[in-house]
Amino acid sequence: MIDEASQRWLSAHARHALACALGCDDRVPAPGPMPDDGALHTPARVFVSWHEHGRLLGCIGTLVAGTSLADAVAHYAVQSGLHDPRMPAMRAEQVAGAELEISVLSPPRELDVRGRSAIEAAIVPGRDGVILHEGTRRAVFLPVVWAQLPGVSAFITALCKKAGIDPQRAADLRAEVFTTQAWTA
């Protein structure tokens, strides 16, 4: 668990990293000293999202725990703000006021089932993030997506479409599930 002091620091660290990448770090305060929290140095799976007035500005992260939580948050704050291929890069004037969401993922757990209907029966709406696989195609939804797609069928259909998988011919689907600790700032 990431404690509140570390969450606040990570949020400031993420916002400042994006501001530095955009050359506007004078508009965003530096995060201050890193809290004495071993979790910040532990390799982590992280996604960072930026929103403005409820509209997604960018969301990028990693399913692999390769670098420390602190480094991963800074890296993916910049990547999601500037390099999400689905939308234009954020502008300097957006950084201070944009809503930031940081999600720290648990290790994924492969479900022992195959096929759409079995996966739908095995996942827990509202709790589970889902990584869907079929052949070389793959897509992920964080648990926060349940707020937009509350029905299991709609959730899996949208995830199939994101992966380029025909949702009607999904007999060979495999899935992994994970949970998150997420917060906004």
Protein backbone atom coordinates (compact mmCIF):
# COMPACT_ATOMS: atom_id res chain seq x y z
CA MET A 1 0.00 0.00 0.00
CA ILE A 2 1.19 3.46 -0.90
CA ASP A 3 0.56 5.79 2.06
CA GLU A 4 -1.01 9.25 1.66
CA ALA A 5 2.27 11.15 2.03
CA SER A 6 3.84 9.07 -0.74
CA GLN A 7 0.74 9.50 -2.91
CA ARG A 8 0.97 13.28 -2.55
CA TRP A 9 4.69 13.21 -3.33
CA LEU A 10 4.22 10.92 -6.36
CA SER A 11 1.46 13.19 -7.69
CA ALA A 12 3.68 16.28 -7.36
CA HIS A 13 6.62 14.33 -8.84
CA ALA A 14 4.51 13.29 -11.86
CA ARG A 15 3.16 16.78 -12.52
CA HIS A 16 6.62 18.33 -12.17
CA ALA A 17 8.16 15.73 -14.53
CA LEU A 18 5.63 16.63 -17.24
CA ALA A 19 6.15 20.35 -16.61
CA CYS A 20 9.93 19.90 -16.99
CA ALA A 21 9.44 17.96 -20.24
CA LEU A 22 7.33 20.83 -21.56
CA GLY A 23 9.77 23.50 -20.35
CA CYS A 24 7.24 25.04 -17.97
CA ASP A 25 8.52 23.78 -14.62
CA ASP A 26 8.33 27.35 -13.28
CA ARG A 27 4.50 26.94 -13.32
CA VAL A 28 4.46 23.80 -11.15
CA PRO A 29 6.12 23.48 -7.74
CA ALA A 30 8.85 20.86 -7.31
CA PRO A 31 7.74 17.87 -5.24
CA GLY A 32 10.03 18.40 -2.25
CA PRO A 33 12.09 15.66 -0.61
CA MET A 34 11.12 12.07 -1.31
CA PRO A 35 9.37 10.45 1.67
CA ASP A 36 11.19 7.67 3.48
CA ASP A 37 9.00 4.93 1.98
CA GLY A 38 10.56 1.76 0.59
CA ALA A 39 7.61 1.35 -1.79
CA LEU A 40 8.90 4.31 -3.82
CA HIS A 41 12.07 2.34 -4.62
CA THR A 42 10.31 -0.95 -5.42
CA PRO A 43 9.81 -1.95 -9.08
CA ALA A 44 6.18 -1.29 -9.99
CA ARG A 45 3.50 -1.67 -12.66
CA VAL A 46 2.03 1.79 -13.18
CA PHE A 47 -0.42 3.66 -15.40
CA VAL A 48 -0.66 7.45 -15.43
CA SER A 49 -3.68 9.26 -16.85
CA TRP A 50 -4.34 12.95 -17.45
CA HIS A 51 -7.86 14.42 -17.77
CA GLU A 52 -9.26 17.88 -18.38
CA HIS A 53 -12.94 18.57 -17.64
CA GLY A 54 -13.61 14.82 -17.73
CA ARG A 55 -11.92 14.36 -21.12
CA LEU A 56 -8.97 11.98 -21.38
CA LEU A 57 -5.76 13.75 -22.40
CA GLY A 58 -3.52 10.68 -22.22
CA CYS A 59 -3.04 7.34 -20.48
CA ILE A 60 0.08 5.21 -20.75
CA GLY A 61 1.73 2.76 -18.41
CA THR A 62 3.38 -0.60 -18.04
CA LEU A 63 2.31 -4.10 -17.10
CA VAL A 64 5.92 -4.99 -16.28
CA ALA A 65 7.54 -4.00 -12.97
CA GLY A 66 10.85 -2.84 -14.41
CA THR A 67 11.82 0.37 -12.63
CA SER A 68 11.13 1.89 -9.24
CA LEU A 69 7.68 3.27 -8.52
CA ALA A 70 9.06 6.83 -8.34
CA ASP A 71 10.88 6.53 -11.68
CA ALA A 72 7.97 4.76 -13.39
CA VAL A 73 5.48 7.42 -12.30
CA ALA A 74 7.68 10.25 -13.64
CA HIS A 75 8.35 8.40 -16.90
CA TYR A 76 4.72 7.51 -17.60
CA ALA A 77 3.50 10.97 -16.58
CA VAL A 78 5.59 12.36 -19.44
CA GLN A 79 4.71 9.55 -21.87
CA SER A 80 0.97 9.84 -21.25
CA GLY A 81 1.01 13.62 -21.40
CA LEU A 82 3.08 13.90 -24.57
CA HIS A 83 3.12 10.60 -26.45
CA ASP A 84 -0.27 8.87 -26.23
CA PRO A 85 -0.85 8.12 -29.93
CA ARG A 86 -4.63 8.48 -29.54
CA MET A 87 -4.56 12.20 -28.85
CA PRO A 88 -2.51 15.37 -29.22
CA ALA A 89 0.26 16.17 -26.76
CA MET A 90 -0.68 18.23 -23.74
CA ARG A 91 0.22 21.91 -23.78
CA ALA A 92 2.18 23.74 -21.09
CA GLU A 93 -0.89 25.68 -19.95
CA GLN A 94 -2.76 22.44 -19.21
CA VAL A 95 -0.26 20.89 -16.79
CA ALA A 96 -1.08 22.76 -13.56
CA GLY A 97 -4.85 22.32 -13.85
CA ALA A 98 -5.20 18.87 -15.40
CA GLU A 99 -6.50 16.04 -13.26
CA LEU A 100 -3.85 13.38 -12.73
CA GLU A 101 -4.65 9.76 -11.93
CA ILE A 102 -1.96 7.31 -10.87
CA SER A 103 -2.74 3.58 -10.76
CA VAL A 104 -0.32 1.10 -9.19
CA LEU A 105 -1.15 -2.41 -10.39
CA SER A 106 -0.94 -5.71 -8.55
CA PRO A 107 0.84 -8.56 -10.34
CA PRO A 108 -1.54 -9.96 -12.99
CA ARG A 109 -3.11 -13.35 -12.32
CA GLU A 110 -4.00 -15.55 -15.31
CA LEU A 111 -7.53 -16.92 -15.25
CA ASP A 112 -7.78 -20.69 -15.63
CA VAL A 113 -10.56 -20.33 -18.22
CA ARG A 114 -10.74 -19.66 -21.96
CA GLY A 115 -13.41 -18.07 -24.08
CA ARG A 116 -15.54 -15.02 -23.67
CA SER A 117 -18.39 -16.44 -21.59
CA ALA A 118 -16.04 -18.16 -19.13
CA ILE A 119 -13.98 -14.98 -18.75
CA GLU A 120 -17.11 -12.90 -18.20
CA ALA A 121 -18.18 -15.30 -15.43
CA ALA A 122 -14.75 -15.21 -13.77
CA ILE A 123 -14.09 -11.45 -13.53
CA VAL A 124 -15.36 -9.19 -10.77
CA PRO A 125 -16.89 -5.95 -12.13
CA GLY A 126 -15.62 -2.81 -10.47
CA ARG A 127 -12.62 -4.54 -8.91
CA ASP A 128 -10.72 -6.32 -11.67
CA GLY A 129 -8.57 -4.74 -14.31
CA VAL A 130 -8.41 -7.08 -17.29
CA ILE A 131 -5.70 -7.95 -19.81
CA LEU A 132 -7.29 -9.78 -22.73
CA HIS A 133 -5.23 -11.94 -25.13
CA GLU A 134 -5.94 -13.77 -28.36
CA GLY A 135 -2.94 -14.85 -30.41
CA THR A 136 -0.69 -11.80 -30.69
CA ARG A 137 -3.47 -9.33 -29.95
CA ARG A 138 -3.75 -7.86 -26.48
CA ALA A 139 -5.51 -5.00 -24.72
CA VAL A 140 -5.91 -3.82 -21.14
CA PHE A 141 -8.57 -1.94 -19.21
CA LEU A 142 -7.88 -0.57 -15.75
CA PRO A 143 -10.59 -1.11 -13.11
CA VAL A 144 -11.61 2.56 -13.44
CA VAL A 145 -13.10 1.73 -16.88
CA TRP A 146 -15.94 -0.13 -15.12
CA ALA A 147 -17.41 3.31 -14.32
CA GLN A 148 -17.90 3.91 -18.06
CA LEU A 149 -18.80 0.31 -19.00
CA PRO A 150 -20.54 -1.16 -15.94
CA GLY A 151 -21.90 -4.30 -17.61
CA VAL A 152 -19.58 -7.29 -18.00
CA SER A 153 -20.63 -7.90 -21.60
CA ALA A 154 -20.13 -4.26 -22.62
CA PHE A 155 -16.75 -4.20 -20.84
CA ILE A 156 -15.46 -7.33 -22.60
CA THR A 157 -16.89 -6.24 -25.98
CA ALA A 158 -15.10 -2.88 -25.74
CA LEU A 159 -11.87 -4.58 -24.64
CA CYS A 160 -12.08 -7.01 -27.57
CA LYS A 161 -12.56 -4.10 -29.97
CA LYS A 162 -9.60 -2.25 -28.43
CA ALA A 163 -7.45 -5.35 -29.08
CA GLY A 164 -8.78 -5.80 -32.63
CA ILE A 165 -10.50 -9.06 -31.68
CA ASP A 166 -13.93 -9.93 -33.06
CA PRO A 167 -16.08 -10.05 -29.90
CA GLN A 168 -18.46 -12.55 -31.52
CA ARG A 169 -15.66 -15.02 -32.33
CA ALA A 170 -13.75 -14.98 -29.12
CA ALA A 171 -13.63 -18.68 -28.25
CA ASP A 172 -9.84 -18.68 -27.79
CA LEU A 173 -9.67 -15.63 -25.52
CA ARG A 174 -7.42 -15.72 -22.50
CA ALA A 175 -7.40 -13.18 -19.70
CA GLU A 176 -5.39 -11.99 -16.76
CA VAL A 177 -6.83 -9.89 -13.94
CA PHE A 178 -5.27 -7.42 -11.54
CA THR A 179 -6.30 -4.83 -8.98
CA THR A 180 -5.03 -1.30 -8.51
CA GLN A 181 -4.37 1.24 -5.85
CA ALA A 182 -5.36 4.44 -7.61
CA TRP A 183 -5.69 8.09 -6.64
CA THR A 184 -6.27 11.43 -8.32
CA ALA A 185 -4.64 14.79 -7.81
